[in-house]
Amino acid sequence: MGCRMSSSKNSSGGADPAGCVLRAVQARVSAGALRRVIEDYAAGGTGTPRSREERRLAAVNYRTREHDRDVTPLYVASSSGRGDLVGALLEAGADAKAAFGPNCSPLALAIHHGQTDTLRALLRSGRHHAEEELAYGPRSTLEGAVRQGVWCRPVHVAAAPPRWPTLDSPQPPPNLAALEVLVREFGADVNARSSSQFTPMIWIYWANRGPLAPSAERLLKVERAIDALVALGADIDARSESSETLLHLAAYDFPSLVPHLLSLGASANVLTDQGLSPLILACMLGGGLRAPVNIPLLLKASSRETRRAVDRDSGESALDEMLKYYADMWHAYWRGAEANKPWVRDVIADLMLAGAPVRPERAPLALPHAARLGRRLAARAAAREARPPSWRTHDLMVQLALDHQEGREVDEGVRAREARVRELEGALAVQDEEAAVTWRR
């Protein structure tokens, strides 16, 4: 093939010999054929540039004007999705910054296209480093991004590659092979932080979040990336700049990840600077349709102190959130879940038993669940589970719940608690007798 293909013209009207690499890429040759074209041009001919290296760089960085824009071999190879050609061009010295703007890094481009061998060659060349500062995406410009404090590192791009070439492009899969190379072979810090204080673990959330739930295939790829980070020593409970862990973020806005994170040992007892626990965030609207799975899981993994945690801004707890949505007549899903499955009452009762506080204006909303709490404390028989108590009994049970949330059962001792239970059971017995008299009449 050599350099005889014609497309790019020089000023005299003939084909420019230096454009042979661009023409080969446009012809969609194989990576091996492209390497031969590059070496043929570098080895042959006289004139300027005279050195072999200068001729090679001139060919791989050849630039022409087509359709009112500059076109280079690297741009054409990347735009056509030919990662093998991208690797061959980068190994030969193609300048990513010249192809895509002053801030596109060859490292980011090699990671994006899955060119692990090219990544090794770039790092071994000494011109690049495993901790190099990269722009958020190849379409950004590094100089401007770093000046604005917006950058990440190669491990971030490997764990969650940016969309390429535009933000509307499909999300590429993580490059776990590149992640392994960066950390194990070149010593990259798997807990390195971006300019926004995101570790790669947190970065995964921001790169993959969206208005729609991820597909099963996409979720599997994200879980594999998290598994790879954990295997390489990443801190699964690393905090973001605003003090959330990945579990906090997933509980609120990426609920499909919650079971997997808990299975890997993510802590449900980490509180943010605002006093928010993953449980509180899961009980908010972000818990969505995954709430019946995630909330009981987080509740089981939470300590008593975590269940009693309160949002310092709003003063609301997980119990407040549960009561608020349960009482919302328009929130049909929650009402249906309570009617068809006992998990809502179970969660509310467990939160009350743990002493989760309730705002005064929501105290009346606890009435439908206070009976279940009282029945738990009194160890009532299963036959009585479904019978609704009187309003008087409700009041007693709410008071019992308030005693629990204030820790009075610990201070007053077991006897005081048992006395209240007997009082509660006596009220239920009176109610039973009244109902029986009414039925006989």
Protein backbone atom coordinates (compact mmCIF):
# COMPACT_ATOMS: atom_id res chain seq x y z
CA MET A 1 0.00 0.00 0.00
CA GLY A 2 2.79 2.38 1.00
CA CYS A 3 1.97 6.05 0.52
CA ARG A 4 0.41 5.89 -2.96
CA MET A 5 -3.25 6.44 -1.98
CA SER A 6 -4.58 9.81 -3.10
CA SER A 7 -6.91 12.08 -1.25
CA SER A 8 -5.21 14.97 0.50
CA LYS A 9 -3.76 17.49 -1.92
CA ASN A 10 -0.80 19.77 -1.51
CA SER A 11 -0.69 23.35 -2.77
CA SER A 12 0.50 22.23 -6.20
CA GLY A 13 -2.55 20.00 -6.70
CA GLY A 14 -0.85 16.62 -6.18
CA ALA A 15 -1.19 14.23 -3.29
CA ASP A 16 0.87 15.32 -0.30
CA PRO A 17 3.22 12.42 0.61
CA ALA A 18 2.90 13.25 4.33
CA GLY A 19 -0.84 12.65 4.06
CA CYS A 20 -0.40 8.95 3.35
CA VAL A 21 -1.14 8.04 6.97
CA LEU A 22 -4.39 10.02 6.93
CA ARG A 23 -5.40 8.36 3.67
CA ALA A 24 -4.64 4.92 5.12
CA VAL A 25 -6.84 5.63 8.16
CA GLN A 26 -9.64 6.90 5.92
CA ALA A 27 -9.35 3.67 3.91
CA ARG A 28 -9.92 1.68 7.15
CA VAL A 29 -6.77 -0.41 6.85
CA SER A 30 -5.69 -2.78 9.59
CA ALA A 31 -3.45 -1.63 12.44
CA GLY A 32 -0.56 -3.67 11.04
CA ALA A 33 -0.94 -2.09 7.62
CA LEU A 34 -1.07 1.38 9.18
CA ARG A 35 2.17 0.74 11.07
CA ARG A 36 3.85 -0.27 7.79
CA VAL A 37 2.61 2.91 6.10
CA ILE A 38 4.04 5.00 8.93
CA GLU A 39 7.40 3.25 8.86
CA ASP A 40 7.61 3.36 5.04
CA TYR A 41 7.15 7.09 5.06
CA ALA A 42 9.55 7.59 7.97
CA ALA A 43 12.27 5.54 6.25
CA GLY A 44 11.96 6.83 2.72
CA GLY A 45 12.64 10.05 0.86
CA THR A 46 14.89 13.02 1.36
CA GLY A 47 14.32 16.66 1.98
CA THR A 48 12.67 18.23 4.99
CA PRO A 49 11.95 17.03 7.53
CA ARG A 50 15.18 15.04 7.19
CA SER A 51 15.31 12.82 10.27
CA ARG A 52 13.34 9.57 10.49
CA GLU A 53 11.61 10.69 13.71
CA GLU A 54 10.62 14.04 12.24
CA ARG A 55 9.12 12.32 9.19
CA ARG A 56 7.16 9.90 11.40
CA LEU A 57 5.73 12.72 13.52
CA ALA A 58 4.87 14.75 10.44
CA ALA A 59 2.88 11.81 9.01
CA VAL A 60 0.96 10.80 12.12
CA ASN A 61 0.15 14.44 12.94
CA TYR A 62 -0.70 15.44 9.38
CA ARG A 63 -3.47 18.00 9.27
CA THR A 64 -5.77 18.93 6.42
CA ARG A 65 -8.92 21.00 6.06
CA GLU A 66 -12.13 19.15 5.19
CA HIS A 67 -15.70 20.39 5.54
CA ASP A 68 -14.53 23.58 7.27
CA ARG A 69 -12.66 21.78 10.02
CA ASP A 70 -9.16 20.46 10.66
CA VAL A 71 -8.82 16.70 10.21
CA THR A 72 -5.95 14.52 11.49
CA PRO A 73 -5.38 10.75 11.32
CA LEU A 74 -6.05 10.45 15.06
CA TYR A 75 -9.34 12.32 14.79
CA VAL A 76 -10.58 10.11 11.94
CA ALA A 77 -9.53 6.88 13.70
CA SER A 78 -11.20 7.89 16.96
CA SER A 79 -14.40 9.16 15.32
CA SER A 80 -14.79 5.90 13.42
CA GLY A 81 -14.35 3.85 16.58
CA ARG A 82 -11.11 2.22 15.45
CA GLY A 83 -9.33 1.78 18.75
CA ASP A 84 -6.65 -0.37 17.10
CA LEU A 85 -5.71 2.48 14.76
CA VAL A 86 -5.81 4.96 17.66
CA GLY A 87 -3.30 2.77 19.51
CA ALA A 88 -0.98 2.53 16.51
CA LEU A 89 -1.04 6.31 15.98
CA LEU A 90 -0.40 7.11 19.65
CA GLU A 91 2.49 4.65 19.78
CA ALA A 92 3.97 6.39 16.75
CA GLY A 93 3.78 9.79 18.47
CA ALA A 94 0.41 11.20 17.37
CA ASP A 95 -0.49 14.29 19.37
CA ALA A 96 -3.93 13.95 20.93
CA LYS A 97 -3.91 17.62 21.85
CA ALA A 98 -3.45 18.61 18.24
CA ALA A 99 -6.33 16.35 17.19
CA PHE A 100 -8.89 17.24 19.82
CA GLY A 101 -7.79 20.46 21.46
CA PRO A 102 -5.03 21.55 23.82
CA ASN A 103 -6.26 19.46 26.73
CA CYS A 104 -6.92 15.99 25.34
CA SER A 105 -4.47 13.53 26.86
CA PRO A 106 -3.09 10.52 24.96
CA LEU A 107 -3.58 8.54 28.18
CA ALA A 108 -7.30 9.31 28.29
CA LEU A 109 -7.66 8.41 24.62
CA ALA A 110 -5.84 5.08 25.03
CA ILE A 111 -7.93 4.18 28.10
CA HIS A 112 -11.16 5.16 26.36
CA HIS A 113 -10.44 2.91 23.38
CA GLY A 114 -9.26 0.00 25.53
CA GLN A 115 -5.70 0.09 24.19
CA THR A 116 -3.85 -1.44 27.13
CA ASP A 117 -0.61 -2.04 25.21
CA THR A 118 -0.65 1.57 24.05
CA LEU A 119 -1.21 2.70 27.63
CA ARG A 120 1.85 0.74 28.73
CA ALA A 121 3.93 2.20 25.90
CA LEU A 122 2.88 5.75 26.76
CA LEU A 123 3.69 5.30 30.46
CA ARG A 124 7.04 3.65 29.74
CA SER A 125 8.01 6.42 27.35
CA GLY A 126 8.54 8.79 30.26
CA ARG A 127 6.41 11.50 28.66
CA HIS A 128 3.37 10.48 30.71
CA HIS A 129 2.74 9.42 34.30
CA ALA A 130 0.12 7.22 35.97
CA GLU A 131 -0.90 10.15 38.20
CA GLU A 132 -1.15 12.65 35.34
CA GLU A 133 -3.90 15.26 35.60
CA LEU A 134 -6.54 14.75 32.93
CA ALA A 135 -9.55 16.74 31.84
CA TYR A 136 -12.97 15.34 32.68
CA GLY A 137 -13.37 14.17 29.11
CA PRO A 138 -11.44 14.21 25.85
CA ARG A 139 -13.71 16.97 24.55
CA SER A 140 -12.53 19.26 27.37
CA THR A 141 -9.32 21.22 27.20
CA LEU A 142 -6.82 20.38 29.87
CA GLU A 143 -5.30 23.83 30.27
CA GLY A 144 -8.65 25.52 30.77
CA ALA A 145 -9.99 22.67 32.90
CA VAL A 146 -7.03 22.68 35.27
CA ARG A 147 -7.14 26.46 35.47
CA GLN A 148 -10.76 26.14 36.61
CA GLY A 149 -9.84 23.31 38.99
CA VAL A 150 -11.67 20.64 36.95
CA TRP A 151 -9.58 17.53 36.41
CA CYS A 152 -9.25 13.85 37.28
CA ARG A 153 -6.61 11.13 36.95
CA PRO A 154 -6.20 8.08 34.68
CA VAL A 155 -7.65 5.72 37.32
CA HIS A 156 -10.89 7.76 37.25
CA VAL A 157 -11.16 7.47 33.47
CA ALA A 158 -10.45 3.72 33.59
CA ALA A 159 -13.13 3.12 36.26
CA ALA A 160 -15.75 5.24 34.50
CA PRO A 161 -14.77 6.57 31.05
CA PRO A 162 -16.39 9.83 29.93
CA ARG A 163 -18.75 9.86 26.98
CA TRP A 164 -16.91 10.27 23.71
CA PRO A 165 -16.87 12.24 21.46
CA THR A 166 -19.86 14.13 22.90
CA LEU A 167 -21.86 14.05 26.12
CA ASP A 168 -24.77 12.53 24.16
CA SER A 169 -22.73 9.51 23.05
CA PRO A 170 -23.37 6.09 24.62
CA GLN A 171 -21.63 5.50 27.94
CA PRO A 172 -18.53 3.38 27.25
CA PRO A 173 -17.78 0.40 29.52
CA PRO A 174 -15.10 0.69 32.21
CA ASN A 175 -11.60 -0.33 31.15
CA LEU A 176 -10.76 -2.71 33.97
CA ALA A 177 -7.63 -3.98 32.20
CA ALA A 178 -6.29 -0.42 32.07
CA LEU A 179 -7.21 0.05 35.73
CA GLU A 180 -5.17 -3.04 36.60
CA VAL A 181 -2.20 -1.80 34.57
CA LEU A 182 -2.28 1.65 36.15
CA VAL A 183 -2.44 0.40 39.73
CA ARG A 184 -0.45 -2.84 39.73
CA GLU A 185 2.20 -2.04 37.11
CA PHE A 186 2.65 1.71 37.46
CA GLY A 187 1.65 2.37 41.07
CA ALA A 188 -1.33 4.65 40.50
CA ASP A 189 -3.26 5.49 43.65
CA VAL A 190 -6.62 3.70 43.52
CA ASN A 191 -7.93 6.24 46.07
CA ALA A 192 -6.62 9.28 44.19
CA ARG A 193 -8.90 12.30 44.28
CA SER A 194 -10.07 14.53 41.47
CA SER A 195 -10.35 18.29 41.75
CA SER A 196 -13.84 17.74 43.18
CA GLN A 197 -12.41 15.35 45.79
CA PHE A 198 -13.96 12.33 44.09
CA THR A 199 -12.16 9.03 44.45
CA PRO A 200 -12.69 6.58 41.55
CA MET A 201 -15.34 4.90 43.72
CA ILE A 202 -17.35 8.13 43.97
CA TRP A 203 -16.54 9.00 40.37
CA ILE A 204 -18.42 5.87 39.20
CA TYR A 205 -21.66 7.29 40.57
CA TRP A 206 -21.31 10.70 38.90
CA ALA A 207 -20.30 9.17 35.57
CA ASN A 208 -23.21 6.72 35.47
CA ARG A 209 -26.10 8.51 37.16
CA GLY A 210 -28.97 9.62 34.97
CA PRO A 211 -32.70 10.34 34.86
CA LEU A 212 -33.50 6.71 34.04
CA ALA A 213 -32.61 3.55 35.93
CA PRO A 214 -29.61 1.79 34.36
CA SER A 215 -30.20 -1.31 32.28
CA ALA A 216 -29.29 -4.69 33.76
CA GLU A 217 -26.28 -4.82 31.44
CA ARG A 218 -25.09 -1.37 32.49
CA LEU A 219 -25.60 -2.16 36.17
CA LEU A 220 -23.51 -5.31 35.81
CA LYS A 221 -20.64 -3.32 34.28
CA VAL A 222 -20.80 -0.76 37.09
CA GLU A 223 -20.78 -3.53 39.71
CA ARG A 224 -17.76 -5.12 38.05
CA ALA A 225 -15.92 -1.81 38.13
CA ILE A 226 -16.68 -1.48 41.85
CA ASP A 227 -15.51 -5.06 42.41
CA ALA A 228 -12.26 -4.30 40.58
CA LEU A 229 -11.64 -1.18 42.65
CA VAL A 230 -12.25 -3.05 45.90
CA ALA A 231 -9.91 -5.86 44.77
CA LEU A 232 -7.22 -3.26 44.09
CA GLY A 233 -7.57 -1.81 47.59
CA ALA A 234 -10.01 1.06 47.05
CA ASP A 235 -11.84 2.36 50.11
CA ILE A 236 -15.50 1.55 49.54
CA ASP A 237 -16.44 4.07 52.26
CA ALA A 238 -14.37 6.94 50.86
CA ARG A 239 -16.16 10.27 51.23
CA SER A 240 -16.84 12.94 48.65
CA GLU A 241 -16.18 16.62 49.23
CA SER A 242 -19.68 16.90 50.70
CA SER A 243 -18.93 13.92 53.00
CA GLU A 244 -21.13 11.27 51.31
CA THR A 245 -19.96 7.75 50.60
CA LEU A 246 -20.97 5.83 47.51
CA LEU A 247 -23.62 4.07 49.60
CA HIS A 248 -25.19 7.44 50.50
CA LEU A 249 -25.34 8.45 46.85
CA ALA A 250 -26.66 5.07 45.72
CA ALA A 251 -29.32 4.94 48.44
CA TYR A 252 -30.77 8.21 47.21
CA ASP A 253 -30.22 8.25 43.47
CA PHE A 254 -28.81 4.89 42.28
CA PRO A 255 -30.83 2.37 44.32
CA SER A 256 -29.93 -0.62 42.15
CA LEU A 257 -26.40 -0.49 43.56
CA VAL A 258 -27.37 -0.66 47.24
CA PRO A 259 -27.56 -4.47 47.68
CA HIS A 260 -24.23 -4.95 45.91
CA LEU A 261 -22.46 -2.31 47.99
CA LEU A 262 -23.77 -3.81 51.23
CA SER A 263 -22.60 -7.26 50.11
CA LEU A 264 -19.09 -5.82 49.66
CA GLY A 265 -19.03 -4.46 53.19
CA ALA A 266 -20.02 -0.82 52.64
CA SER A 267 -20.91 0.71 55.98
CA ALA A 268 -24.51 1.77 56.56
CA ASN A 269 -23.45 3.61 59.73
CA VAL A 270 -21.46 6.45 58.18
CA LEU A 271 -23.10 9.84 58.72
CA THR A 272 -22.48 12.87 56.56
CA ASP A 273 -21.57 16.25 57.99
CA GLN A 274 -25.31 17.02 57.89
CA GLY A 275 -26.10 13.94 59.99
CA LEU A 276 -27.55 12.01 57.04
CA SER A 277 -27.33 8.24 57.00
CA PRO A 278 -27.84 6.03 53.94
CA LEU A 279 -31.07 4.91 55.62
CA ILE A 280 -32.47 8.46 55.75
CA LEU A 281 -31.59 9.02 52.10
CA ALA A 282 -33.18 5.73 51.08
CA CYS A 283 -36.39 6.72 52.84
CA MET A 284 -36.56 9.91 50.83
CA LEU A 285 -38.22 10.00 47.44
CA GLY A 286 -35.00 8.85 45.79
CA GLY A 287 -35.58 5.35 47.19
CA GLY A 288 -38.17 4.93 44.45
CA LEU A 289 -39.46 1.53 43.46
CA ARG A 290 -36.45 -0.19 45.00
CA ALA A 291 -37.49 0.94 48.49
CA PRO A 292 -39.07 -2.39 49.57
CA VAL A 293 -35.67 -4.02 49.01
CA ASN A 294 -33.22 -1.31 50.02
CA ILE A 295 -34.82 0.15 53.12
CA PRO A 296 -35.12 -3.18 55.00
CA LEU A 297 -31.54 -4.03 53.95
CA LEU A 298 -30.19 -0.71 55.19
CA LEU A 299 -32.27 -0.96 58.35
CA LYS A 300 -30.78 -4.37 59.11
CA ALA A 301 -27.25 -3.07 58.49
CA SER A 302 -27.74 0.07 60.61
CA SER A 303 -26.86 0.47 64.27
CA ARG A 304 -29.25 1.93 66.83
CA GLU A 305 -27.39 5.23 66.67
CA THR A 306 -27.72 5.35 62.89
CA ARG A 307 -31.45 4.67 63.08
CA ARG A 308 -31.78 7.62 65.45
CA ALA A 309 -29.79 9.96 63.18
CA VAL A 310 -31.41 13.26 62.22
CA ASP A 311 -30.87 15.56 59.26
CA ARG A 312 -29.33 18.63 60.87
CA ASP A 313 -30.88 20.95 58.29
CA SER A 314 -34.49 19.73 58.47
CA GLY A 315 -34.51 17.92 61.80
CA GLU A 316 -36.09 14.89 60.10
CA SER A 317 -35.20 11.26 60.65
CA ALA A 318 -35.70 8.13 58.57
CA LEU A 319 -38.91 7.56 60.53
CA ASP A 320 -40.17 11.03 59.59
CA GLU A 321 -39.55 10.26 55.94
CA MET A 322 -41.33 6.92 56.15
CA LEU A 323 -44.35 8.43 57.88
CA LYS A 324 -44.47 11.36 55.47
CA TYR A 325 -44.65 9.19 52.37
CA TYR A 326 -46.90 6.61 53.97
CA ALA A 327 -49.43 9.31 54.85
CA ASP A 328 -49.27 10.97 51.43
CA MET A 329 -52.59 10.04 49.83
CA TRP A 330 -51.12 10.65 46.38
CA HIS A 331 -48.20 8.31 46.95
CA ALA A 332 -50.12 5.25 45.81
CA TYR A 333 -47.09 3.02 45.63
CA TRP A 334 -46.30 3.28 49.32
CA ARG A 335 -49.92 2.75 50.32
CA GLY A 336 -50.12 -0.30 48.07
CA ALA A 337 -46.92 -1.69 49.52
CA GLU A 338 -48.26 -1.30 53.06
CA ALA A 339 -51.57 -2.89 52.15
CA ASN A 340 -50.05 -5.85 50.31
CA LYS A 341 -46.82 -6.39 52.21
CA PRO A 342 -45.96 -5.84 55.85
CA TRP A 343 -42.53 -4.33 55.19
CA VAL A 344 -43.66 -0.71 55.69
CA ARG A 345 -45.10 -1.38 59.14
CA ASP A 346 -42.12 -3.54 60.00
CA VAL A 347 -39.69 -0.76 59.10
CA ILE A 348 -41.64 1.90 60.96
CA ALA A 349 -41.96 -0.29 64.05
CA ASP A 350 -38.25 -1.14 63.97
CA LEU A 351 -37.36 2.55 63.68
CA MET A 352 -39.63 3.40 66.61
CA LEU A 353 -38.13 0.59 68.69
CA ALA A 354 -34.66 1.94 67.89
CA GLY A 355 -35.72 5.35 69.15
CA ALA A 356 -35.84 7.16 65.82
CA PRO A 357 -37.32 10.59 66.62
CA VAL A 358 -40.55 11.94 65.16
CA ARG A 359 -41.28 15.59 64.55
CA PRO A 360 -44.31 16.75 66.60
CA GLU A 361 -46.41 17.52 63.53
CA ARG A 362 -45.96 13.94 62.34
CA ALA A 363 -46.80 12.28 65.64
CA PRO A 364 -50.43 11.60 64.56
CA LEU A 365 -49.10 9.75 61.50
CA ALA A 366 -47.50 7.22 63.82
CA LEU A 367 -50.89 6.07 65.16
CA PRO A 368 -51.56 3.38 62.49
CA HIS A 369 -48.19 1.80 63.33
CA ALA A 370 -48.06 2.33 67.09
CA ALA A 371 -50.34 -0.66 67.62
CA ARG A 372 -47.88 -2.93 65.86
CA LEU A 373 -45.10 -1.52 68.01
CA GLY A 374 -47.11 -2.17 71.18
CA ARG A 375 -47.92 -5.68 70.09
CA ARG A 376 -44.24 -6.37 69.49
CA LEU A 377 -43.29 -5.16 72.94
CA ALA A 378 -46.04 -7.21 74.59
CA ALA A 379 -45.25 -10.30 72.48
CA ARG A 380 -48.91 -10.65 71.62
CA ALA A 381 -50.34 -13.75 70.03
CA ALA A 382 -50.55 -13.90 66.27
CA ALA A 383 -54.35 -14.13 66.42
CA ARG A 384 -54.53 -10.56 67.69
CA GLU A 385 -52.25 -9.05 65.03
CA ALA A 386 -54.96 -7.77 62.73
CA ARG A 387 -57.44 -6.35 65.26
CA PRO A 388 -57.37 -2.53 65.27
CA PRO A 389 -57.14 -1.03 68.76
CA SER A 390 -59.20 1.83 70.08
CA TRP A 391 -57.98 5.45 69.93
CA ARG A 392 -57.25 5.23 73.65
CA THR A 393 -54.99 2.26 73.00
CA HIS A 394 -53.38 4.15 70.16
CA ASP A 395 -52.52 6.98 72.51
CA LEU A 396 -50.94 4.56 74.96
CA MET A 397 -48.88 2.97 72.23
CA VAL A 398 -47.69 6.30 70.87
CA GLN A 399 -46.62 7.28 74.36
CA LEU A 400 -44.79 3.98 74.62
CA ALA A 401 -43.06 4.75 71.34
CA LEU A 402 -42.04 8.17 72.64
CA ASP A 403 -40.67 6.50 75.76
CA HIS A 404 -38.56 4.30 73.53
CA GLN A 405 -37.23 7.11 71.38
CA GLU A 406 -36.13 9.02 74.47
CA GLY A 407 -34.43 5.96 75.90
CA ARG A 408 -36.68 5.82 78.96
CA GLU A 409 -36.91 2.05 78.81
CA VAL A 410 -33.20 1.99 79.59
CA ASP A 411 -33.38 4.58 82.35
CA GLU A 412 -36.52 3.30 84.10
CA GLY A 413 -35.62 -0.34 83.82
CA VAL A 414 -37.40 -3.45 82.70
CA ARG A 415 -40.11 -3.30 85.39
CA ALA A 416 -41.35 0.11 84.26
CA ARG A 417 -41.55 -1.08 80.69
CA GLU A 418 -43.39 -4.23 81.70
CA ALA A 419 -45.86 -2.12 83.72
CA ARG A 420 -46.63 -0.06 80.65
CA VAL A 421 -47.07 -3.20 78.60
CA ARG A 422 -49.53 -4.56 81.17
CA GLU A 423 -51.41 -1.26 81.05
CA LEU A 424 -51.52 -1.51 77.30
CA GLU A 425 -52.73 -5.09 77.37
CA GLY A 426 -55.38 -4.15 79.95
CA ALA A 427 -56.69 -1.49 77.61
CA LEU A 428 -56.84 -4.02 74.82
CA ALA A 429 -58.72 -6.45 77.08
CA VAL A 430 -61.28 -3.76 77.93
CA GLN A 431 -61.69 -3.06 74.25
CA ASP A 432 -62.21 -6.78 73.59
CA GLU A 433 -64.88 -6.96 76.28
CA GLU A 434 -66.65 -3.88 74.92
CA ALA A 435 -66.61 -5.34 71.43
CA ALA A 436 -68.03 -8.65 72.75
CA VAL A 437 -70.89 -6.89 74.61
CA THR A 438 -71.73 -4.89 71.52
CA TRP A 439 -71.76 -8.07 69.42
CA ARG A 440 -74.13 -9.88 71.94
CA ARG A 441 -76.55 -6.97 71.85
